[in-house]
N, C-alpha and C. Protein backbone atom coordinates (compact mmCIF):
# COMPACT_ATOMS: atom_id res chain seq x y z
N MET A 1 0.84 -1.17 0.00
CA MET A 1 0.00 0.00 0.00
C MET A 1 0.89 1.24 0.00
N THR A 2 0.61 2.13 -0.90
CA THR A 2 1.40 3.35 -0.98
C THR A 2 0.50 4.54 -0.64
N THR A 3 1.09 5.47 0.02
CA THR A 3 0.37 6.70 0.34
C THR A 3 1.16 7.88 -0.18
N SER A 4 0.45 8.90 -0.61
CA SER A 4 1.13 10.10 -1.07
C SER A 4 1.16 11.11 0.06
N THR A 5 2.19 11.89 0.07
CA THR A 5 2.33 12.91 1.09
C THR A 5 1.82 14.23 0.53
N ALA A 6 0.87 14.82 1.24
CA ALA A 6 0.30 16.10 0.81
C ALA A 6 1.19 17.23 1.31
N SER A 7 1.17 18.32 0.56
CA SER A 7 1.94 19.49 0.99
C SER A 7 1.22 20.14 2.18
N VAL A 8 1.92 20.98 2.89
CA VAL A 8 1.33 21.69 4.02
C VAL A 8 0.16 22.56 3.54
N ALA A 9 0.29 23.16 2.38
CA ALA A 9 -0.79 24.00 1.84
C ALA A 9 -2.02 23.16 1.55
N GLU A 10 -1.85 21.95 1.01
CA GLU A 10 -2.98 21.07 0.73
C GLU A 10 -3.65 20.61 2.03
N ILE A 11 -2.85 20.28 3.02
CA ILE A 11 -3.39 19.87 4.32
C ILE A 11 -4.19 21.01 4.94
N THR A 12 -3.64 22.22 4.88
CA THR A 12 -4.31 23.39 5.45
C THR A 12 -5.64 23.64 4.75
N THR A 13 -5.63 23.58 3.42
CA THR A 13 -6.86 23.80 2.65
C THR A 13 -7.92 22.76 2.99
N THR A 14 -7.51 21.51 3.06
CA THR A 14 -8.44 20.43 3.40
C THR A 14 -8.98 20.60 4.82
N ALA A 15 -8.10 20.94 5.76
CA ALA A 15 -8.51 21.10 7.15
C ALA A 15 -9.48 22.26 7.31
N ILE A 16 -9.23 23.37 6.64
CA ILE A 16 -10.12 24.53 6.74
C ILE A 16 -11.48 24.20 6.13
N ALA A 17 -11.49 23.50 5.00
CA ALA A 17 -12.76 23.11 4.39
C ALA A 17 -13.54 22.17 5.31
N LEU A 18 -12.84 21.24 5.93
CA LEU A 18 -13.48 20.30 6.87
C LEU A 18 -14.05 21.05 8.08
N LEU A 19 -13.27 21.95 8.64
CA LEU A 19 -13.75 22.73 9.78
C LEU A 19 -14.98 23.56 9.41
N CYS A 20 -14.93 24.19 8.25
CA CYS A 20 -16.07 25.01 7.80
C CYS A 20 -17.34 24.17 7.70
N ARG A 21 -17.20 22.97 7.17
CA ARG A 21 -18.37 22.09 7.04
C ARG A 21 -18.88 21.64 8.41
N GLN A 22 -17.98 21.35 9.32
CA GLN A 22 -18.37 20.78 10.60
C GLN A 22 -18.81 21.82 11.63
N ILE A 23 -18.12 22.94 11.71
CA ILE A 23 -18.45 23.92 12.75
C ILE A 23 -18.85 25.29 12.19
N GLY A 24 -18.86 25.43 10.88
CA GLY A 24 -19.26 26.69 10.25
C GLY A 24 -18.09 27.64 10.08
N PRO A 25 -18.23 28.58 9.15
CA PRO A 25 -17.13 29.49 8.86
C PRO A 25 -16.77 30.44 10.01
N VAL A 26 -17.76 30.91 10.74
CA VAL A 26 -17.49 31.85 11.83
C VAL A 26 -16.67 31.16 12.92
N ASN A 27 -17.09 29.98 13.33
CA ASN A 27 -16.35 29.25 14.37
C ASN A 27 -14.99 28.78 13.87
N THR A 28 -14.88 28.51 12.57
CA THR A 28 -13.58 28.15 12.00
C THR A 28 -12.60 29.32 12.17
N VAL A 29 -13.06 30.51 11.84
CA VAL A 29 -12.20 31.70 11.99
C VAL A 29 -11.84 31.91 13.46
N ARG A 30 -12.81 31.76 14.33
CA ARG A 30 -12.54 31.92 15.77
C ARG A 30 -11.49 30.92 16.22
N PHE A 31 -11.61 29.68 15.75
CA PHE A 31 -10.65 28.64 16.11
C PHE A 31 -9.27 28.99 15.59
N LEU A 32 -9.18 29.39 14.33
CA LEU A 32 -7.87 29.69 13.73
C LEU A 32 -7.22 30.91 14.37
N ASN A 33 -8.02 31.86 14.82
CA ASN A 33 -7.47 33.06 15.44
C ASN A 33 -6.71 32.77 16.74
N GLN A 34 -6.96 31.63 17.33
CA GLN A 34 -6.22 31.25 18.54
C GLN A 34 -4.73 31.09 18.26
N PHE A 35 -4.40 30.81 17.02
CA PHE A 35 -3.02 30.46 16.68
C PHE A 35 -2.27 31.59 15.98
N THR A 36 -2.88 32.75 15.87
CA THR A 36 -2.18 33.89 15.26
C THR A 36 -1.59 34.77 16.34
N THR A 37 -0.48 35.38 16.04
CA THR A 37 0.20 36.19 17.04
C THR A 37 -0.21 37.65 16.98
N GLY A 38 -1.01 38.02 16.01
CA GLY A 38 -1.41 39.42 15.91
C GLY A 38 -0.34 40.25 15.22
N PHE A 39 -0.62 41.52 15.08
CA PHE A 39 0.33 42.41 14.41
C PHE A 39 0.04 43.84 14.82
N GLY A 40 0.94 44.71 14.50
CA GLY A 40 0.75 46.12 14.81
C GLY A 40 1.20 46.47 16.22
N ASN A 41 0.98 47.72 16.58
CA ASN A 41 1.36 48.22 17.88
C ASN A 41 0.09 48.70 18.58
N TYR A 42 -0.45 47.84 19.43
CA TYR A 42 -1.72 48.13 20.09
C TYR A 42 -1.68 49.45 20.86
N THR A 43 -0.61 49.69 21.59
CA THR A 43 -0.52 50.89 22.42
C THR A 43 -0.56 52.15 21.56
N ALA A 44 0.20 52.17 20.48
CA ALA A 44 0.22 53.34 19.60
C ALA A 44 -1.15 53.54 18.93
N GLU A 45 -1.76 52.45 18.49
CA GLU A 45 -3.08 52.55 17.86
C GLU A 45 -4.13 53.04 18.85
N ARG A 46 -4.09 52.52 20.07
CA ARG A 46 -5.04 52.94 21.10
C ARG A 46 -4.88 54.43 21.39
N ASP A 47 -3.64 54.89 21.51
CA ASP A 47 -3.40 56.31 21.78
C ASP A 47 -3.87 57.18 20.62
N ALA A 48 -3.70 56.69 19.40
CA ALA A 48 -4.14 57.47 18.23
C ALA A 48 -5.67 57.57 18.20
N ILE A 49 -6.36 56.52 18.60
CA ILE A 49 -7.82 56.51 18.57
C ILE A 49 -8.41 57.27 19.76
N LEU A 50 -7.92 56.97 20.95
CA LEU A 50 -8.50 57.53 22.16
C LEU A 50 -7.88 58.86 22.58
N GLY A 51 -6.65 59.09 22.19
CA GLY A 51 -5.97 60.31 22.60
C GLY A 51 -5.79 60.37 24.10
N ASP A 52 -5.98 61.55 24.66
CA ASP A 52 -5.80 61.75 26.10
C ASP A 52 -7.14 61.75 26.85
N ALA A 53 -8.16 61.15 26.27
CA ALA A 53 -9.49 61.15 26.90
C ALA A 53 -9.45 60.39 28.22
N THR A 54 -10.18 60.92 29.18
CA THR A 54 -10.29 60.24 30.47
C THR A 54 -11.42 59.20 30.40
N VAL A 55 -11.48 58.34 31.36
CA VAL A 55 -12.55 57.35 31.42
C VAL A 55 -13.90 58.05 31.49
N ASP A 56 -13.99 59.11 32.29
CA ASP A 56 -15.25 59.85 32.41
C ASP A 56 -15.68 60.44 31.07
N GLU A 57 -14.73 60.95 30.30
CA GLU A 57 -15.05 61.51 28.98
C GLU A 57 -15.53 60.42 28.02
N LEU A 58 -14.89 59.27 28.08
CA LEU A 58 -15.30 58.16 27.22
C LEU A 58 -16.70 57.67 27.59
N VAL A 59 -16.97 57.57 28.88
CA VAL A 59 -18.30 57.14 29.33
C VAL A 59 -19.36 58.15 28.88
N ALA A 60 -19.06 59.43 28.99
CA ALA A 60 -20.00 60.46 28.56
C ALA A 60 -20.27 60.36 27.06
N GLU A 61 -19.23 60.09 26.29
CA GLU A 61 -19.40 59.95 24.84
C GLU A 61 -20.24 58.72 24.51
N ILE A 62 -20.03 57.64 25.21
CA ILE A 62 -20.83 56.43 25.00
C ILE A 62 -22.29 56.72 25.31
N ARG A 63 -22.55 57.40 26.40
CA ARG A 63 -23.94 57.73 26.77
C ARG A 63 -24.59 58.63 25.73
N GLN A 64 -23.85 59.61 25.22
CA GLN A 64 -24.39 60.49 24.19
C GLN A 64 -24.75 59.70 22.93
N ARG A 65 -23.86 58.80 22.53
CA ARG A 65 -24.13 58.01 21.33
C ARG A 65 -25.34 57.09 21.53
N ARG A 66 -25.45 56.50 22.70
CA ARG A 66 -26.60 55.64 22.98
C ARG A 66 -27.90 56.44 22.95
N GLU A 67 -27.88 57.63 23.53
CA GLU A 67 -29.07 58.48 23.54
C GLU A 67 -29.44 58.88 22.11
N LYS A 68 -28.45 59.22 21.31
CA LYS A 68 -28.69 59.60 19.93
C LYS A 68 -29.28 58.41 19.15
N ASP A 69 -28.74 57.22 19.36
CA ASP A 69 -29.25 56.01 18.70
C ASP A 69 -30.68 55.71 19.15
N LYS A 70 -30.93 55.90 20.45
CA LYS A 70 -32.25 55.65 21.01
C LYS A 70 -33.28 56.58 20.37
N LEU A 71 -32.94 57.86 20.22
CA LEU A 71 -33.86 58.82 19.62
C LEU A 71 -34.11 58.49 18.15
N ARG A 72 -33.09 57.98 17.50
CA ARG A 72 -33.22 57.66 16.08
C ARG A 72 -34.10 56.43 15.86
N THR A 73 -34.13 55.50 16.79
CA THR A 73 -34.88 54.26 16.60
C THR A 73 -36.27 54.28 17.22
N GLU A 74 -36.59 55.26 18.06
CA GLU A 74 -37.92 55.33 18.66
C GLU A 74 -38.93 55.79 17.62
N PRO A 75 -40.16 55.25 17.67
CA PRO A 75 -41.19 55.71 16.72
C PRO A 75 -41.52 57.18 16.99
N SER A 76 -41.77 57.90 15.93
CA SER A 76 -42.09 59.32 16.10
C SER A 76 -43.51 59.50 16.61
N GLU A 77 -43.83 60.67 17.13
CA GLU A 77 -45.15 60.97 17.69
C GLU A 77 -46.23 60.84 16.61
N THR A 78 -45.95 61.26 15.38
CA THR A 78 -46.96 61.25 14.33
C THR A 78 -47.40 59.83 14.01
N HIS A 79 -46.52 58.87 14.10
CA HIS A 79 -46.88 57.50 13.80
C HIS A 79 -47.75 56.88 14.89
N SER A 80 -47.53 57.25 16.12
CA SER A 80 -48.25 56.61 17.22
C SER A 80 -49.63 57.22 17.46
N THR A 81 -49.89 58.42 16.94
CA THR A 81 -51.17 59.07 17.20
C THR A 81 -52.12 58.98 16.02
N GLN A 82 -51.70 58.44 14.89
CA GLN A 82 -52.59 58.33 13.75
C GLN A 82 -53.62 57.24 13.99
N GLN A 83 -54.86 57.50 13.53
CA GLN A 83 -55.91 56.50 13.67
C GLN A 83 -55.93 55.62 12.43
N SER A 84 -56.22 54.36 12.65
CA SER A 84 -56.37 53.47 11.51
C SER A 84 -57.78 53.63 10.98
N PRO A 85 -58.05 53.23 9.74
CA PRO A 85 -59.40 53.36 9.17
C PRO A 85 -60.46 52.66 10.02
N SER A 86 -60.13 51.57 10.68
CA SER A 86 -61.12 50.87 11.51
C SER A 86 -61.47 51.68 12.74
N ASP A 87 -60.56 52.54 13.22
CA ASP A 87 -60.84 53.38 14.40
C ASP A 87 -61.86 54.46 14.08
N THR A 88 -61.92 54.90 12.84
CA THR A 88 -62.82 56.00 12.49
C THR A 88 -64.24 55.53 12.25
N ASN A 89 -64.49 54.22 12.21
CA ASN A 89 -65.84 53.69 12.02
C ASN A 89 -66.62 53.60 13.32
N ASN A 90 -65.99 53.90 14.43
CA ASN A 90 -66.64 53.84 15.74
C ASN A 90 -67.24 52.46 16.02
N GLY A 91 -66.60 51.43 15.54
CA GLY A 91 -67.04 50.08 15.83
C GLY A 91 -68.18 49.61 14.97
N ALA A 92 -68.63 50.42 14.01
CA ALA A 92 -69.74 50.02 13.15
C ALA A 92 -69.21 49.43 11.86
N GLY A 93 -68.42 48.37 11.95
CA GLY A 93 -67.76 47.84 10.77
C GLY A 93 -68.42 46.76 10.16
């Protein structure tokens, strides 16, 4: 009996396809991410994004954004006070 040796690239491709079929693509990526070392400079990127903001300033910004999102997703007054055609028949339908 003879067996052929697959290349590392072929093994990786087969393994990823198998994982995707068995646990789905999202969980496959989550699994594979365990084995990556990451890249970039987290501290420099964090400082560039957050700057010198204090925790209190960040919390205030989060609250403002949540309030803005809440106002955007709440039904407006005009929609909630309109009568449907069945309401105008006074029950004589």
